[in-house]
Amino acid sequence: MISVCLASFNGEKYIKEQIDSILIQLGEDDELIVSDDGSTDKTLEIIREFDDQRIKLYENNKIHGYTHNFENALKHTSGDYIFFSDQDDIWLPNKVEIMLPHLVNDNFVISDGYITNEKLEIISRISSWRAYKKGYFQNLYKSIYAGCTSAFTKKIKEYVLPFPLTKYVQHDTWIGLLCELKFNVIYIEEPLILYRRHKTNTSSAGSKSTKAPFFMFKYRMILFFETLKRWIIRKF
């Protein structure tokens, strides 16, 4: 069984296209878990209009923020294989077919993707901004993980939950780094999504960091201690 986690927030402009591209790749027993973080536009209305039993919608009582909105979706999954999805991208038709066979032995699987503009005109690849290099410290220094390109197993889900409470830890980097420590990371060079760049993006794939050096140092130290703490707790 496949579970897809989608975190939504005021995504009325693009969310229908994204959900369409997901549902066509799912079987009857699979599920799309949508965690909504208090949308005030027509996002919820659009989701309900699908009237599809595979879509399970959870509305947050208070705003969780991007990372913990994904955590809420992840907590509600029941599938053996889990995919992450942003609300404004497009899954290419062979995404599930290509990634699913790699989800053996509890692998964490990521793929390349095409970066596009609002009209889905291809600009470049995610790998041109974030070329994958294997290893914990390599990715602690410069994370290549984009949650929207990732998939993993239920065992990994149980290992990474709960997410740290700190606001400095992003869900995709958190999961990716823990998998570098504990599991096997598989990188697929073929682009499997259209990653749409627009003015209201909440994730950062395809963009360069402009954060101050002190902030980045603090961010990496927090990530280091949080991942090390989880690894030690789960190990012993």
C-alpha atoms as a PDB file:
ATOM      1  CA  MET A   1       0.000   0.000   0.000  1.00  0.00           C
ATOM      2  CA  ILE A   2       1.221   3.474  -0.932  1.00  0.00           C
ATOM      3  CA  SER A   3       0.638   6.581   1.173  1.00  0.00           C
ATOM      4  CA  VAL A   4       1.262  10.029  -0.286  1.00  0.00           C
ATOM      5  CA  CYS A   5       1.727  12.939   2.136  1.00  0.00           C
ATOM      6  CA  LEU A   6       0.677  16.352   0.860  1.00  0.00           C
ATOM      7  CA  ALA A   7       0.907  19.464   3.045  1.00  0.00           C
ATOM      8  CA  SER A   8      -1.489  22.167   1.889  1.00  0.00           C
ATOM      9  CA  PHE A   9      -1.860  25.842   2.687  1.00  0.00           C
ATOM     10  CA  ASN A  10      -3.681  28.335   0.460  1.00  0.00           C
ATOM     11  CA  GLY A  11      -2.832  26.291  -2.603  1.00  0.00           C
ATOM     12  CA  GLU A  12      -5.957  26.859  -4.683  1.00  0.00           C
ATOM     13  CA  LYS A  13      -4.053  27.932  -7.803  1.00  0.00           C
ATOM     14  CA  TYR A  14      -2.167  24.703  -8.436  1.00  0.00           C
ATOM     15  CA  ILE A  15      -3.340  21.959  -6.081  1.00  0.00           C
ATOM     16  CA  LYS A  16      -5.874  20.382  -8.451  1.00  0.00           C
ATOM     17  CA  GLU A  17      -3.192  19.731 -11.082  1.00  0.00           C
ATOM     18  CA  GLN A  18      -0.940  18.171  -8.480  1.00  0.00           C
ATOM     19  CA  ILE A  19      -3.615  15.895  -7.048  1.00  0.00           C
ATOM     20  CA  ASP A  20      -4.650  14.804 -10.546  1.00  0.00           C
ATOM     21  CA  SER A  21      -1.059  13.808 -11.323  1.00  0.00           C
ATOM     22  CA  ILE A  22      -0.883  11.765  -8.096  1.00  0.00           C
ATOM     23  CA  LEU A  23      -4.215   9.940  -8.129  1.00  0.00           C
ATOM     24  CA  ILE A  24      -3.726   8.574 -11.629  1.00  0.00           C
ATOM     25  CA  GLN A  25      -0.656   6.686 -10.346  1.00  0.00           C
ATOM     26  CA  LEU A  26      -2.323   5.202  -7.241  1.00  0.00           C
ATOM     27  CA  GLY A  27      -4.228   1.966  -6.872  1.00  0.00           C
ATOM     28  CA  GLU A  28      -7.643   1.535  -5.290  1.00  0.00           C
ATOM     29  CA  ASP A  29      -6.192   0.657  -1.890  1.00  0.00           C
ATOM     30  CA  ASP A  30      -3.609   3.453  -1.790  1.00  0.00           C
ATOM     31  CA  GLU A  31      -4.148   6.769  -0.027  1.00  0.00           C
ATOM     32  CA  LEU A  32      -3.412  10.467  -0.372  1.00  0.00           C
ATOM     33  CA  ILE A  33      -3.070  12.075   3.056  1.00  0.00           C
ATOM     34  CA  VAL A  34      -3.636  15.837   2.943  1.00  0.00           C
ATOM     35  CA  SER A  35      -2.796  17.892   6.021  1.00  0.00           C
ATOM     36  CA  ASP A  36      -4.127  21.432   5.703  1.00  0.00           C
ATOM     37  CA  ASP A  37      -2.592  24.206   7.766  1.00  0.00           C
ATOM     38  CA  GLY A  38      -5.546  26.588   7.939  1.00  0.00           C
ATOM     39  CA  SER A  39      -6.163  27.531   4.320  1.00  0.00           C
ATOM     40  CA  THR A  40      -8.397  30.570   3.853  1.00  0.00           C
ATOM     41  CA  ASP A  41      -8.813  30.304   0.079  1.00  0.00           C
ATOM     42  CA  LYS A  42     -10.602  27.581  -1.914  1.00  0.00           C
ATOM     43  CA  THR A  43      -8.026  24.858  -1.232  1.00  0.00           C
ATOM     44  CA  LEU A  44     -10.314  22.745   0.972  1.00  0.00           C
ATOM     45  CA  GLU A  45     -13.226  23.147  -1.422  1.00  0.00           C
ATOM     46  CA  ILE A  46     -11.093  21.933  -4.334  1.00  0.00           C
ATOM     47  CA  ILE A  47      -9.872  18.909  -2.360  1.00  0.00           C
ATOM     48  CA  ARG A  48     -13.403  17.915  -1.347  1.00  0.00           C
ATOM     49  CA  GLU A  49     -14.652  18.245  -4.926  1.00  0.00           C
ATOM     50  CA  PHE A  50     -12.545  15.236  -5.893  1.00  0.00           C
ATOM     51  CA  ASP A  51     -14.902  13.054  -3.834  1.00  0.00           C
ATOM     52  CA  ASP A  52     -12.308  10.280  -3.923  1.00  0.00           C
ATOM     53  CA  GLN A  53     -12.177   7.763  -1.068  1.00  0.00           C
ATOM     54  CA  ARG A  54      -8.388   7.585  -1.384  1.00  0.00           C
ATOM     55  CA  ILE A  55      -8.079  11.221  -0.264  1.00  0.00           C
ATOM     56  CA  LYS A  56      -8.015  11.625   3.519  1.00  0.00           C
ATOM     57  CA  LEU A  57      -8.104  15.246   4.636  1.00  0.00           C
ATOM     58  CA  TYR A  58      -6.911  16.416   8.057  1.00  0.00           C
ATOM     59  CA  GLU A  59      -7.383  20.040   9.083  1.00  0.00           C
ATOM     60  CA  ASN A  60      -5.052  21.455  11.718  1.00  0.00           C
ATOM     61  CA  ASN A  61      -6.645  23.202  14.690  1.00  0.00           C
ATOM     62  CA  LYS A  62      -3.803  25.712  14.694  1.00  0.00           C
ATOM     63  CA  ILE A  63      -1.077  26.637  12.233  1.00  0.00           C
ATOM     64  CA  HIS A  64       1.733  24.081  12.390  1.00  0.00           C
ATOM     65  CA  GLY A  65       4.117  25.565   9.837  1.00  0.00           C
ATOM     66  CA  TYR A  66       5.490  23.829   6.754  1.00  0.00           C
ATOM     67  CA  THR A  67       7.610  21.135   8.427  1.00  0.00           C
ATOM     68  CA  HIS A  68       5.147  20.088  11.121  1.00  0.00           C
ATOM     69  CA  ASN A  69       2.285  20.154   8.639  1.00  0.00           C
ATOM     70  CA  PHE A  70       4.147  17.398   6.792  1.00  0.00           C
ATOM     71  CA  GLU A  71       4.728  15.653  10.108  1.00  0.00           C
ATOM     72  CA  ASN A  72       0.993  15.645  10.756  1.00  0.00           C
ATOM     73  CA  ALA A  73       0.372  14.068   7.356  1.00  0.00           C
ATOM     74  CA  LEU A  74       3.074  11.472   7.978  1.00  0.00           C
ATOM     75  CA  LYS A  75       1.572  10.512  11.344  1.00  0.00           C
ATOM     76  CA  HIS A  76      -1.700   9.611   9.628  1.00  0.00           C
ATOM     77  CA  THR A  77      -0.221   7.314   6.979  1.00  0.00           C
ATOM     78  CA  SER A  78      -0.949   3.602   7.028  1.00  0.00           C
ATOM     79  CA  GLY A  79       0.927   2.470   3.905  1.00  0.00           C
ATOM     80  CA  ASP A  80       4.133   0.473   3.638  1.00  0.00           C
ATOM     81  CA  TYR A  81       5.584   2.913   1.104  1.00  0.00           C
ATOM     82  CA  ILE A  82       5.426   6.662   1.634  1.00  0.00           C
ATOM     83  CA  PHE A  83       5.867   9.500  -0.848  1.00  0.00           C
ATOM     84  CA  PHE A  84       6.063  13.227  -0.088  1.00  0.00           C
ATOM     85  CA  SER A  85       4.428  15.809  -2.332  1.00  0.00           C
ATOM     86  CA  ASP A  86       4.233  19.585  -2.397  1.00  0.00           C
ATOM     87  CA  GLN A  87       0.911  21.180  -3.319  1.00  0.00           C
ATOM     88  CA  ASP A  88       2.013  23.002  -6.452  1.00  0.00           C
ATOM     89  CA  ASP A  89       4.161  20.577  -8.460  1.00  0.00           C
ATOM     90  CA  ILE A  90       3.341  17.897 -11.028  1.00  0.00           C
ATOM     91  CA  TRP A  91       4.281  14.236 -10.793  1.00  0.00           C
ATOM     92  CA  LEU A  92       5.536  12.902 -14.105  1.00  0.00           C
ATOM     93  CA  PRO A  93       3.551   9.823 -15.202  1.00  0.00           C
ATOM     94  CA  ASN A  94       6.203   7.223 -14.360  1.00  0.00           C
ATOM     95  CA  LYS A  95       7.226   8.513 -10.916  1.00  0.00           C
ATOM     96  CA  VAL A  96       5.683   5.758  -8.791  1.00  0.00           C
ATOM     97  CA  GLU A  97       6.520   3.023 -11.298  1.00  0.00           C
ATOM     98  CA  ILE A  98      10.209   3.959 -11.268  1.00  0.00           C
ATOM     99  CA  MET A  99      10.652   4.685  -7.554  1.00  0.00           C
ATOM    100  CA  LEU A 100       8.662   1.827  -6.036  1.00  0.00           C
ATOM    101  CA  PRO A 101      11.054  -1.040  -6.956  1.00  0.00           C
ATOM    102  CA  HIS A 102      13.868   0.786  -5.164  1.00  0.00           C
ATOM    103  CA  LEU A 103      11.937   0.821  -1.884  1.00  0.00           C
ATOM    104  CA  VAL A 104      13.352  -2.496  -0.736  1.00  0.00           C
ATOM    105  CA  ASN A 105      15.473  -3.126   2.330  1.00  0.00           C
ATOM    106  CA  ASP A 106      14.145   0.137   3.767  1.00  0.00           C
ATOM    107  CA  ASN A 107      15.868   2.419   1.293  1.00  0.00           C
ATOM    108  CA  PHE A 108      15.339   6.170   1.244  1.00  0.00           C
ATOM    109  CA  VAL A 109      14.863   7.076  -2.421  1.00  0.00           C
ATOM    110  CA  ILE A 110      15.207  10.510  -4.001  1.00  0.00           C
ATOM    111  CA  SER A 111      15.090  11.562  -7.628  1.00  0.00           C
ATOM    112  CA  ASP A 112      15.993  14.483  -9.801  1.00  0.00           C
ATOM    113  CA  GLY A 113      13.280  16.838 -11.038  1.00  0.00           C
ATOM    114  CA  TYR A 114      12.717  19.585 -13.551  1.00  0.00           C
ATOM    115  CA  ILE A 115      12.540  23.132 -12.184  1.00  0.00           C
ATOM    116  CA  THR A 116       9.861  25.082 -14.054  1.00  0.00           C
ATOM    117  CA  ASN A 117       8.243  28.493 -14.014  1.00  0.00           C
ATOM    118  CA  GLU A 118       4.573  29.052 -13.180  1.00  0.00           C
ATOM    119  CA  LYS A 119       3.574  27.902 -16.668  1.00  0.00           C
ATOM    120  CA  LEU A 120       5.522  24.641 -16.266  1.00  0.00           C
ATOM    121  CA  GLU A 121       8.155  25.719 -18.775  1.00  0.00           C
ATOM    122  CA  ILE A 122      11.376  23.898 -17.887  1.00  0.00           C
ATOM    123  CA  ILE A 123      14.203  26.112 -16.594  1.00  0.00           C
ATOM    124  CA  SER A 124      16.724  23.572 -15.333  1.00  0.00           C
ATOM    125  CA  ARG A 125      17.055  20.494 -13.126  1.00  0.00           C
ATOM    126  CA  ILE A 126      17.067  20.351  -9.341  1.00  0.00           C
ATOM    127  CA  SER A 127      20.442  18.615  -9.619  1.00  0.00           C
ATOM    128  CA  SER A 128      21.910  21.736 -11.206  1.00  0.00           C
ATOM    129  CA  TRP A 129      21.342  23.435  -7.834  1.00  0.00           C
ATOM    130  CA  ARG A 130      21.643  20.415  -5.541  1.00  0.00           C
ATOM    131  CA  ALA A 131      23.894  17.739  -7.029  1.00  0.00           C
ATOM    132  CA  TYR A 132      23.606  14.619  -4.858  1.00  0.00           C
ATOM    133  CA  LYS A 133      26.680  13.563  -2.926  1.00  0.00           C
ATOM    134  CA  LYS A 134      26.371  10.644  -0.555  1.00  0.00           C
ATOM    135  CA  GLY A 135      27.284  10.993   3.109  1.00  0.00           C
ATOM    136  CA  TYR A 136      26.037  12.479   6.367  1.00  0.00           C
ATOM    137  CA  PHE A 137      28.538  15.307   6.808  1.00  0.00           C
ATOM    138  CA  GLN A 138      28.415  16.265   3.137  1.00  0.00           C
ATOM    139  CA  ASN A 139      24.671  16.796   3.415  1.00  0.00           C
ATOM    140  CA  LEU A 140      24.839  18.384   6.837  1.00  0.00           C
ATOM    141  CA  TYR A 141      27.007  21.067   5.241  1.00  0.00           C
ATOM    142  CA  LYS A 142      24.863  21.400   2.118  1.00  0.00           C
ATOM    143  CA  SER A 143      21.628  19.457   2.067  1.00  0.00           C
ATOM    144  CA  ILE A 144      20.500  18.112  -1.290  1.00  0.00           C
ATOM    145  CA  TYR A 145      17.213  16.666  -0.041  1.00  0.00           C
ATOM    146  CA  ALA A 146      13.969  17.939  -1.518  1.00  0.00           C
ATOM    147  CA  GLY A 147      11.021  16.263   0.162  1.00  0.00           C
ATOM    148  CA  CYS A 148       8.906  16.459  -2.983  1.00  0.00           C
ATOM    149  CA  THR A 149      11.321  14.068  -4.738  1.00  0.00           C
ATOM    150  CA  SER A 150      11.518  11.511  -1.920  1.00  0.00           C
ATOM    151  CA  ALA A 151       9.975   8.181  -0.958  1.00  0.00           C
ATOM    152  CA  PHE A 152      10.657   5.765   1.895  1.00  0.00           C
ATOM    153  CA  THR A 153       9.262   2.862   3.892  1.00  0.00           C
ATOM    154  CA  LYS A 154       7.118   2.538   6.997  1.00  0.00           C
ATOM    155  CA  LYS A 155      10.167   1.465   9.006  1.00  0.00           C
ATOM    156  CA  ILE A 156      11.868   4.770   8.193  1.00  0.00           C
ATOM    157  CA  LYS A 157       8.697   6.619   9.162  1.00  0.00           C
ATOM    158  CA  GLU A 158       8.795   5.013  12.607  1.00  0.00           C
ATOM    159  CA  TYR A 159      12.469   5.951  12.957  1.00  0.00           C
ATOM    160  CA  VAL A 160      12.122   9.649  12.069  1.00  0.00           C
ATOM    161  CA  LEU A 161       8.947  10.399  14.052  1.00  0.00           C
ATOM    162  CA  PRO A 162       8.458  12.556  15.984  1.00  0.00           C
ATOM    163  CA  PHE A 163      10.214  15.504  14.371  1.00  0.00           C
ATOM    164  CA  PRO A 164      12.212  17.783  16.697  1.00  0.00           C
ATOM    165  CA  LEU A 165      10.196  20.676  18.081  1.00  0.00           C
ATOM    166  CA  THR A 166      12.770  23.255  17.046  1.00  0.00           C
ATOM    167  CA  LYS A 167      11.794  25.488  14.135  1.00  0.00           C
ATOM    168  CA  TYR A 168      15.278  25.143  12.643  1.00  0.00           C
ATOM    169  CA  VAL A 169      14.833  21.561  11.420  1.00  0.00           C
ATOM    170  CA  GLN A 170      13.199  21.031   8.027  1.00  0.00           C
ATOM    171  CA  HIS A 171      11.427  17.748   7.404  1.00  0.00           C
ATOM    172  CA  ASP A 172      13.294  16.718   4.264  1.00  0.00           C
ATOM    173  CA  THR A 173      16.750  17.438   5.687  1.00  0.00           C
ATOM    174  CA  TRP A 174      15.832  15.722   8.967  1.00  0.00           C
ATOM    175  CA  ILE A 175      14.709  12.533   7.255  1.00  0.00           C
ATOM    176  CA  GLY A 176      17.550  12.530   4.748  1.00  0.00           C
ATOM    177  CA  LEU A 177      20.292  12.950   7.341  1.00  0.00           C
ATOM    178  CA  LEU A 178      18.884  10.232   9.587  1.00  0.00           C
ATOM    179  CA  CYS A 179      18.753   7.901   6.600  1.00  0.00           C
ATOM    180  CA  GLU A 180      22.395   8.664   5.793  1.00  0.00           C
ATOM    181  CA  LEU A 181      23.198   7.467   9.329  1.00  0.00           C
ATOM    182  CA  LYS A 182      20.913   4.459   9.545  1.00  0.00           C
ATOM    183  CA  PHE A 183      19.609   3.372   6.144  1.00  0.00           C
ATOM    184  CA  ASN A 184      20.636   3.340   2.496  1.00  0.00           C
ATOM    185  CA  VAL A 185      20.015   6.346   0.257  1.00  0.00           C
ATOM    186  CA  ILE A 186      19.264   5.683  -3.416  1.00  0.00           C
ATOM    187  CA  TYR A 187      19.487   8.515  -5.937  1.00  0.00           C
ATOM    188  CA  ILE A 188      17.625   8.280  -9.257  1.00  0.00           C
ATOM    189  CA  GLU A 189      19.097  10.569 -11.891  1.00  0.00           C
ATOM    190  CA  GLU A 190      15.936  10.662 -13.986  1.00  0.00           C
ATOM    191  CA  PRO A 191      13.683  13.712 -13.312  1.00  0.00           C
ATOM    192  CA  LEU A 192      10.341  12.480 -11.971  1.00  0.00           C
ATOM    193  CA  ILE A 193       8.563  15.719 -11.059  1.00  0.00           C
ATOM    194  CA  LEU A 194       7.976  19.206 -12.405  1.00  0.00           C
ATOM    195  CA  TYR A 195       9.015  21.471  -9.536  1.00  0.00           C
ATOM    196  CA  ARG A 196       7.129  24.720 -10.025  1.00  0.00           C
ATOM    197  CA  ARG A 197       8.840  27.938  -8.924  1.00  0.00           C
ATOM    198  CA  HIS A 198       6.550  30.870  -8.180  1.00  0.00           C
ATOM    199  CA  LYS A 199       6.185  33.777  -5.790  1.00  0.00           C
ATOM    200  CA  THR A 200       4.504  31.840  -2.990  1.00  0.00           C
ATOM    201  CA  ASN A 201       6.699  28.706  -2.800  1.00  0.00           C
ATOM    202  CA  THR A 202       7.274  27.523   0.774  1.00  0.00           C
ATOM    203  CA  SER A 203      10.012  25.004  -0.006  1.00  0.00           C
ATOM    204  CA  SER A 204      13.455  25.858  -1.253  1.00  0.00           C
ATOM    205  CA  ALA A 205      14.431  23.346  -3.915  1.00  0.00           C
ATOM    206  CA  GLY A 206      16.022  25.062  -6.843  1.00  0.00           C
ATOM    207  CA  SER A 207      17.013  28.176  -4.906  1.00  0.00           C
ATOM    208  CA  LYS A 208      20.310  29.238  -3.448  1.00  0.00           C
ATOM    209  CA  SER A 209      20.657  30.020   0.240  1.00  0.00           C
ATOM    210  CA  THR A 210      21.045  33.677   1.154  1.00  0.00           C
ATOM    211  CA  LYS A 211      21.067  33.130   4.912  1.00  0.00           C
ATOM    212  CA  ALA A 212      23.819  34.710   7.006  1.00  0.00           C
ATOM    213  CA  PRO A 213      26.842  32.523   7.874  1.00  0.00           C
ATOM    214  CA  PHE A 214      26.070  32.649  11.611  1.00  0.00           C
ATOM    215  CA  PHE A 215      22.529  31.434  11.022  1.00  0.00           C
ATOM    216  CA  MET A 216      23.769  28.583   8.827  1.00  0.00           C
ATOM    217  CA  PHE A 217      26.318  27.562  11.464  1.00  0.00           C
ATOM    218  CA  LYS A 218      23.626  27.538  14.143  1.00  0.00           C
ATOM    219  CA  TYR A 219      21.269  25.612  11.856  1.00  0.00           C
ATOM    220  CA  ARG A 220      23.874  22.935  11.161  1.00  0.00           C
ATOM    221  CA  MET A 221      24.786  22.572  14.821  1.00  0.00           C
ATOM    222  CA  ILE A 222      21.152  22.089  15.790  1.00  0.00           C
ATOM    223  CA  LEU A 223      20.718  19.526  13.025  1.00  0.00           C
ATOM    224  CA  PHE A 224      23.880  17.729  14.103  1.00  0.00           C
ATOM    225  CA  PHE A 225      22.866  17.420  17.752  1.00  0.00           C
ATOM    226  CA  GLU A 226      19.235  16.526  16.989  1.00  0.00           C
ATOM    227  CA  THR A 227      20.145  13.787  14.498  1.00  0.00           C
ATOM    228  CA  LEU A 228      22.903  12.449  16.748  1.00  0.00           C
ATOM    229  CA  LYS A 229      20.492  12.366  19.689  1.00  0.00           C
ATOM    230  CA  ARG A 230      17.895  10.440  17.675  1.00  0.00           C
ATOM    231  CA  TRP A 231      20.504   7.995  16.360  1.00  0.00           C
ATOM    232  CA  ILE A 232      21.751   7.280  19.899  1.00  0.00           C
ATOM    233  CA  ILE A 233      18.236   6.907  21.331  1.00  0.00           C
ATOM    234  CA  ARG A 234      17.138   4.511  18.575  1.00  0.00           C
ATOM    235  CA  LYS A 235      20.407   2.556  18.726  1.00  0.00           C
ATOM    236  CA  PHE A 236      20.340   1.865  22.446  1.00  0.00           C
END
